[in-house]
Amino acid sequence: MNISAHLTITKKALNEAFRLLKKLCKPRHDEEAVLSYDGGCLHIELGGMTVTPTATGTWSGQVRIPGSYIMGLAKLPPTGDPVIVKVEDDWIYFGS
């Protein structure tokens, strides 16, 4: 990955994005999610749709992760408010 990423997202914004994914997104079994940041929102692209929870921080580039990881987070969202999303040593973390 070799990118720098550290975002802060309110639990409300992240939960709304995850609610939409759970309701509308039907990714293929092996599909990847693409995560990126535009300076105001985290873009989560999966299953032909994109959700954009408001976020603050720094993030350069794109991250590709298994879509099943994102759908798992949508079913059981991270605790805490705000939620910290970061990439360290080629690992992505949502919350603790």
C-alpha atoms as a PDB file:
ATOM      1  CA  MET A   1       0.000   0.000   0.000  1.00  0.00           C
ATOM      2  CA  ASN A   2       2.647   2.486   1.089  1.00  0.00           C
ATOM      3  CA  ILE A   3       0.203   5.336   1.692  1.00  0.00           C
ATOM      4  CA  SER A   4      -0.345   7.736   4.549  1.00  0.00           C
ATOM      5  CA  ALA A   5      -3.831   7.627   5.994  1.00  0.00           C
ATOM      6  CA  HIS A   6      -5.465   8.834   9.203  1.00  0.00           C
ATOM      7  CA  LEU A   7      -9.112   9.936   9.176  1.00  0.00           C
ATOM      8  CA  THR A   8     -11.654  10.846  11.826  1.00  0.00           C
ATOM      9  CA  ILE A   9     -15.310  10.037  11.081  1.00  0.00           C
ATOM     10  CA  THR A  10     -18.304  10.591  13.339  1.00  0.00           C
ATOM     11  CA  LYS A  11     -20.061   7.395  14.349  1.00  0.00           C
ATOM     12  CA  LYS A  12     -23.315   8.812  12.958  1.00  0.00           C
ATOM     13  CA  ALA A  13     -21.825   9.458   9.493  1.00  0.00           C
ATOM     14  CA  LEU A  14     -20.151   6.056   9.344  1.00  0.00           C
ATOM     15  CA  ASN A  15     -23.272   4.229  10.544  1.00  0.00           C
ATOM     16  CA  GLU A  16     -25.395   5.960   7.879  1.00  0.00           C
ATOM     17  CA  ALA A  17     -22.936   4.889   5.172  1.00  0.00           C
ATOM     18  CA  PHE A  18     -22.910   1.327   6.511  1.00  0.00           C
ATOM     19  CA  ARG A  19     -26.729   1.308   6.674  1.00  0.00           C
ATOM     20  CA  LEU A  20     -26.867   2.096   2.956  1.00  0.00           C
ATOM     21  CA  LEU A  21     -24.305  -0.596   2.169  1.00  0.00           C
ATOM     22  CA  LYS A  22     -26.225  -3.222   4.135  1.00  0.00           C
ATOM     23  CA  LYS A  23     -29.491  -2.274   2.448  1.00  0.00           C
ATOM     24  CA  LEU A  24     -28.386  -1.726  -1.161  1.00  0.00           C
ATOM     25  CA  CYS A  25     -24.983  -3.314  -1.787  1.00  0.00           C
ATOM     26  CA  LYS A  26     -24.710  -6.860  -3.139  1.00  0.00           C
ATOM     27  CA  PRO A  27     -21.007  -7.361  -3.940  1.00  0.00           C
ATOM     28  CA  ARG A  28     -19.644 -10.494  -5.582  1.00  0.00           C
ATOM     29  CA  HIS A  29     -17.902 -12.925  -3.246  1.00  0.00           C
ATOM     30  CA  ASP A  30     -14.390 -11.981  -4.409  1.00  0.00           C
ATOM     31  CA  GLU A  31     -14.975  -8.267  -5.019  1.00  0.00           C
ATOM     32  CA  GLU A  32     -12.659  -5.619  -3.606  1.00  0.00           C
ATOM     33  CA  ALA A  33     -13.725  -2.352  -2.003  1.00  0.00           C
ATOM     34  CA  VAL A  34     -11.827   0.780  -3.012  1.00  0.00           C
ATOM     35  CA  LEU A  35     -11.304   3.432  -0.328  1.00  0.00           C
ATOM     36  CA  SER A  36     -10.111   6.966  -1.040  1.00  0.00           C
ATOM     37  CA  TYR A  37     -10.410  10.448   0.439  1.00  0.00           C
ATOM     38  CA  ASP A  38     -11.281  13.700  -1.352  1.00  0.00           C
ATOM     39  CA  GLY A  39     -10.430  16.131   1.442  1.00  0.00           C
ATOM     40  CA  GLY A  40     -13.935  16.074   2.930  1.00  0.00           C
ATOM     41  CA  CYS A  41     -15.336  12.550   2.599  1.00  0.00           C
ATOM     42  CA  LEU A  42     -14.105   8.982   2.723  1.00  0.00           C
ATOM     43  CA  HIS A  43     -15.228   7.264  -0.484  1.00  0.00           C
ATOM     44  CA  ILE A  44     -16.099   3.585  -0.115  1.00  0.00           C
ATOM     45  CA  GLU A  45     -16.752   2.010  -3.529  1.00  0.00           C
ATOM     46  CA  LEU A  46     -18.212  -1.486  -3.545  1.00  0.00           C
ATOM     47  CA  GLY A  47     -20.767  -3.460  -5.502  1.00  0.00           C
ATOM     48  CA  GLY A  48     -21.362  -0.737  -8.091  1.00  0.00           C
ATOM     49  CA  MET A  49     -22.131   1.924  -5.498  1.00  0.00           C
ATOM     50  CA  THR A  50     -20.248   4.522  -3.471  1.00  0.00           C
ATOM     51  CA  VAL A  51     -20.950   5.851   0.011  1.00  0.00           C
ATOM     52  CA  THR A  52     -19.234   8.999   1.255  1.00  0.00           C
ATOM     53  CA  PRO A  53     -19.230   9.597   5.010  1.00  0.00           C
ATOM     54  CA  THR A  54     -17.854  12.999   6.000  1.00  0.00           C
ATOM     55  CA  ALA A  55     -14.311  12.733   7.358  1.00  0.00           C
ATOM     56  CA  THR A  56     -11.347  14.869   8.345  1.00  0.00           C
ATOM     57  CA  GLY A  57      -7.664  14.061   8.209  1.00  0.00           C
ATOM     58  CA  THR A  58      -5.078  13.013   5.660  1.00  0.00           C
ATOM     59  CA  TRP A  59      -5.167  10.199   3.135  1.00  0.00           C
ATOM     60  CA  SER A  60      -3.093   9.907  -0.011  1.00  0.00           C
ATOM     61  CA  GLY A  61      -3.989   7.370  -2.668  1.00  0.00           C
ATOM     62  CA  GLN A  62      -6.396   4.464  -2.763  1.00  0.00           C
ATOM     63  CA  VAL A  63      -6.693   1.359  -0.645  1.00  0.00           C
ATOM     64  CA  ARG A  64      -8.152  -1.891  -1.958  1.00  0.00           C
ATOM     65  CA  ILE A  65      -9.475  -4.354   0.595  1.00  0.00           C
ATOM     66  CA  PRO A  66     -11.787  -7.355   0.444  1.00  0.00           C
ATOM     67  CA  GLY A  67     -15.405  -6.294   0.082  1.00  0.00           C
ATOM     68  CA  SER A  68     -16.291  -8.865   2.724  1.00  0.00           C
ATOM     69  CA  TYR A  69     -14.275  -6.818   5.257  1.00  0.00           C
ATOM     70  CA  ILE A  70     -16.388  -3.722   4.596  1.00  0.00           C
ATOM     71  CA  MET A  71     -19.637  -5.707   4.669  1.00  0.00           C
ATOM     72  CA  GLY A  72     -18.552  -7.242   7.985  1.00  0.00           C
ATOM     73  CA  LEU A  73     -17.946  -3.752   9.374  1.00  0.00           C
ATOM     74  CA  ALA A  74     -21.376  -2.695   8.103  1.00  0.00           C
ATOM     75  CA  LYS A  75     -22.979  -5.549  10.046  1.00  0.00           C
ATOM     76  CA  LEU A  76     -20.967  -4.931  13.208  1.00  0.00           C
ATOM     77  CA  PRO A  77     -19.693  -1.305  13.149  1.00  0.00           C
ATOM     78  CA  PRO A  78     -16.738  -0.197  15.258  1.00  0.00           C
ATOM     79  CA  THR A  79     -17.469   1.319  18.643  1.00  0.00           C
ATOM     80  CA  GLY A  80     -16.409   4.737  19.825  1.00  0.00           C
ATOM     81  CA  ASP A  81     -17.178   8.197  18.595  1.00  0.00           C
ATOM     82  CA  PRO A  82     -15.449   9.448  16.569  1.00  0.00           C
ATOM     83  CA  VAL A  83     -14.153   6.423  14.649  1.00  0.00           C
ATOM     84  CA  ILE A  84     -10.514   6.584  13.581  1.00  0.00           C
ATOM     85  CA  VAL A  85      -9.672   5.014  10.215  1.00  0.00           C
ATOM     86  CA  LYS A  86      -5.963   4.613   9.546  1.00  0.00           C
ATOM     87  CA  VAL A  87      -3.442   2.695   7.497  1.00  0.00           C
ATOM     88  CA  GLU A  88      -0.248   1.605   9.253  1.00  0.00           C
ATOM     89  CA  ASP A  89       2.349  -0.885   8.015  1.00  0.00           C
ATOM     90  CA  ASP A  90       0.070  -2.053   5.169  1.00  0.00           C
ATOM     91  CA  TRP A  91      -2.833  -2.741   7.581  1.00  0.00           C
ATOM     92  CA  ILE A  92      -6.104  -0.811   7.684  1.00  0.00           C
ATOM     93  CA  TYR A  93      -7.835  -0.129  10.995  1.00  0.00           C
ATOM     94  CA  PHE A  94     -11.425   1.003  11.598  1.00  0.00           C
ATOM     95  CA  GLY A  95     -11.680   2.055  15.240  1.00  0.00           C
ATOM     96  CA  SER A  96      -9.751   0.110  17.851  1.00  0.00           C
END
